[in-house]
Amino acid sequence: MANRGRPTQTKRQRERARLERSKMKDLRRAEARARREAAPPRPTDHDPDIAGIVPGPQELPDWQREFFEEEQKAKEAAELEEGKAE
């Protein structure tokens, strides 16, 4: 078996790369921390996604309301027709 040389160069390169990644992570963490500290406080009393929604039945959209009204008129017309036929 052949003896391999000492992996000092590759080991140094790996160590430098690891230290560089660690420094970059520390910088990102510091930036995120500063950004969070500088941000205005978030309101905790309400959720902006559901702001303005009232509990209970919701109002129908316009297209659905129009369709429902047309169905009601058709039903009333059919009932009047039946009443005249009798």
C-alpha atoms as a PDB file:
ATOM      1  CA  MET A   1       0.000   0.000   0.000  1.00  0.00           C
ATOM      2  CA  ALA A   2       1.124   3.473  -0.797  1.00  0.00           C
ATOM      3  CA  ASN A   3       1.406   5.961   1.998  1.00  0.00           C
ATOM      4  CA  ARG A   4      -0.463   9.148   1.478  1.00  0.00           C
ATOM      5  CA  GLY A   5       1.084  12.495   2.213  1.00  0.00           C
ATOM      6  CA  ARG A   6      -0.074  14.603   5.074  1.00  0.00           C
ATOM      7  CA  PRO A   7      -3.389  16.285   4.322  1.00  0.00           C
ATOM      8  CA  THR A   8      -2.225  19.586   5.807  1.00  0.00           C
ATOM      9  CA  GLN A   9      -3.076  21.789   2.823  1.00  0.00           C
ATOM     10  CA  THR A  10      -6.560  20.371   2.326  1.00  0.00           C
ATOM     11  CA  LYS A  11      -7.154  20.397   6.046  1.00  0.00           C
ATOM     12  CA  ARG A  12      -6.167  24.074   6.229  1.00  0.00           C
ATOM     13  CA  GLN A  13      -8.441  24.888   3.301  1.00  0.00           C
ATOM     14  CA  ARG A  14     -11.366  23.108   4.953  1.00  0.00           C
ATOM     15  CA  GLU A  15     -10.701  24.888   8.226  1.00  0.00           C
ATOM     16  CA  ARG A  16     -10.543  28.297   6.465  1.00  0.00           C
ATOM     17  CA  ALA A  17     -13.799  27.553   4.632  1.00  0.00           C
ATOM     18  CA  ARG A  18     -15.439  26.511   7.906  1.00  0.00           C
ATOM     19  CA  LEU A  19     -14.289  29.692   9.634  1.00  0.00           C
ATOM     20  CA  GLU A  20     -15.491  31.806   6.702  1.00  0.00           C
ATOM     21  CA  ARG A  21     -18.934  30.147   6.810  1.00  0.00           C
ATOM     22  CA  SER A  22     -19.056  30.711  10.557  1.00  0.00           C
ATOM     23  CA  LYS A  23     -18.228  34.414  10.106  1.00  0.00           C
ATOM     24  CA  MET A  24     -20.888  34.787   7.430  1.00  0.00           C
ATOM     25  CA  LYS A  25     -23.471  33.156   9.699  1.00  0.00           C
ATOM     26  CA  ASP A  26     -22.529  35.481  12.551  1.00  0.00           C
ATOM     27  CA  LEU A  27     -22.904  38.502  10.247  1.00  0.00           C
ATOM     28  CA  ARG A  28     -26.312  37.325   9.046  1.00  0.00           C
ATOM     29  CA  ARG A  29     -27.457  36.751  12.604  1.00  0.00           C
ATOM     30  CA  ALA A  30     -26.261  40.223  13.668  1.00  0.00           C
ATOM     31  CA  GLU A  31     -28.051  41.833  10.702  1.00  0.00           C
ATOM     32  CA  ALA A  32     -31.255  39.975  11.493  1.00  0.00           C
ATOM     33  CA  ARG A  33     -31.020  40.977  15.151  1.00  0.00           C
ATOM     34  CA  ALA A  34     -30.498  44.652  14.221  1.00  0.00           C
ATOM     35  CA  ARG A  35     -33.385  44.514  11.733  1.00  0.00           C
ATOM     36  CA  ARG A  36     -35.717  43.034  14.373  1.00  0.00           C
ATOM     37  CA  GLU A  37     -34.686  45.648  16.942  1.00  0.00           C
ATOM     38  CA  ALA A  38     -35.201  48.508  14.465  1.00  0.00           C
ATOM     39  CA  ALA A  39     -38.616  47.280  13.309  1.00  0.00           C
ATOM     40  CA  PRO A  40     -41.700  48.916  14.825  1.00  0.00           C
ATOM     41  CA  PRO A  41     -43.551  46.800  17.370  1.00  0.00           C
ATOM     42  CA  ARG A  42     -46.154  44.509  15.889  1.00  0.00           C
ATOM     43  CA  PRO A  43     -49.701  44.861  17.191  1.00  0.00           C
ATOM     44  CA  THR A  44     -50.760  41.864  19.215  1.00  0.00           C
ATOM     45  CA  ASP A  45     -54.423  42.723  19.711  1.00  0.00           C
ATOM     46  CA  HIS A  46     -55.558  41.621  16.243  1.00  0.00           C
ATOM     47  CA  ASP A  47     -54.585  39.482  13.303  1.00  0.00           C
ATOM     48  CA  PRO A  48     -54.360  41.561  10.100  1.00  0.00           C
ATOM     49  CA  ASP A  49     -55.471  38.580   8.012  1.00  0.00           C
ATOM     50  CA  ILE A  50     -58.872  38.450   9.680  1.00  0.00           C
ATOM     51  CA  ALA A  51     -59.340  42.136  10.508  1.00  0.00           C
ATOM     52  CA  GLY A  52     -62.828  43.339   9.643  1.00  0.00           C
ATOM     53  CA  ILE A  53     -64.459  39.921   9.545  1.00  0.00           C
ATOM     54  CA  VAL A  54     -67.634  39.732  11.602  1.00  0.00           C
ATOM     55  CA  PRO A  55     -68.648  36.436  13.219  1.00  0.00           C
ATOM     56  CA  GLY A  56     -71.724  34.798  11.811  1.00  0.00           C
ATOM     57  CA  PRO A  57     -73.151  34.459   8.327  1.00  0.00           C
ATOM     58  CA  GLN A  58     -71.289  36.511   5.735  1.00  0.00           C
ATOM     59  CA  GLU A  59     -72.850  38.591   2.991  1.00  0.00           C
ATOM     60  CA  LEU A  60     -73.133  36.868  -0.369  1.00  0.00           C
ATOM     61  CA  PRO A  61     -70.979  38.095  -3.255  1.00  0.00           C
ATOM     62  CA  ASP A  62     -72.798  40.149  -5.920  1.00  0.00           C
ATOM     63  CA  TRP A  63     -72.851  37.426  -8.571  1.00  0.00           C
ATOM     64  CA  GLN A  64     -74.229  34.889  -6.107  1.00  0.00           C
ATOM     65  CA  ARG A  65     -76.832  37.310  -4.748  1.00  0.00           C
ATOM     66  CA  GLU A  66     -78.049  38.082  -8.296  1.00  0.00           C
ATOM     67  CA  PHE A  67     -78.323  34.383  -9.083  1.00  0.00           C
ATOM     68  CA  PHE A  68     -80.251  33.772  -5.837  1.00  0.00           C
ATOM     69  CA  GLU A  69     -82.662  36.648  -6.566  1.00  0.00           C
ATOM     70  CA  GLU A  70     -83.311  35.325 -10.088  1.00  0.00           C
ATOM     71  CA  GLU A  71     -84.055  31.878  -8.658  1.00  0.00           C
ATOM     72  CA  GLN A  72     -86.467  33.404  -6.122  1.00  0.00           C
ATOM     73  CA  LYS A  73     -88.297  35.320  -8.874  1.00  0.00           C
ATOM     74  CA  ALA A  74     -88.562  32.184 -10.988  1.00  0.00           C
ATOM     75  CA  LYS A  75     -89.902  30.218  -8.021  1.00  0.00           C
ATOM     76  CA  GLU A  76     -92.486  32.923  -7.221  1.00  0.00           C
ATOM     77  CA  ALA A  77     -93.565  33.047 -10.875  1.00  0.00           C
ATOM     78  CA  ALA A  78     -93.982  29.255 -10.887  1.00  0.00           C
ATOM     79  CA  GLU A  79     -96.108  29.433  -7.721  1.00  0.00           C
ATOM     80  CA  LEU A  80     -98.317  32.117  -9.259  1.00  0.00           C
ATOM     81  CA  GLU A  81     -98.765  29.965 -12.350  1.00  0.00           C
ATOM     82  CA  GLU A  82     -99.819  27.016 -10.188  1.00  0.00           C
ATOM     83  CA  GLY A  83    -102.262  29.215  -8.268  1.00  0.00           C
ATOM     84  CA  LYS A  84    -103.915  30.419 -11.477  1.00  0.00           C
ATOM     85  CA  ALA A  85    -104.097  26.899 -12.869  1.00  0.00           C
ATOM     86  CA  GLU A  86    -106.086  25.619  -9.908  1.00  0.00           C
END
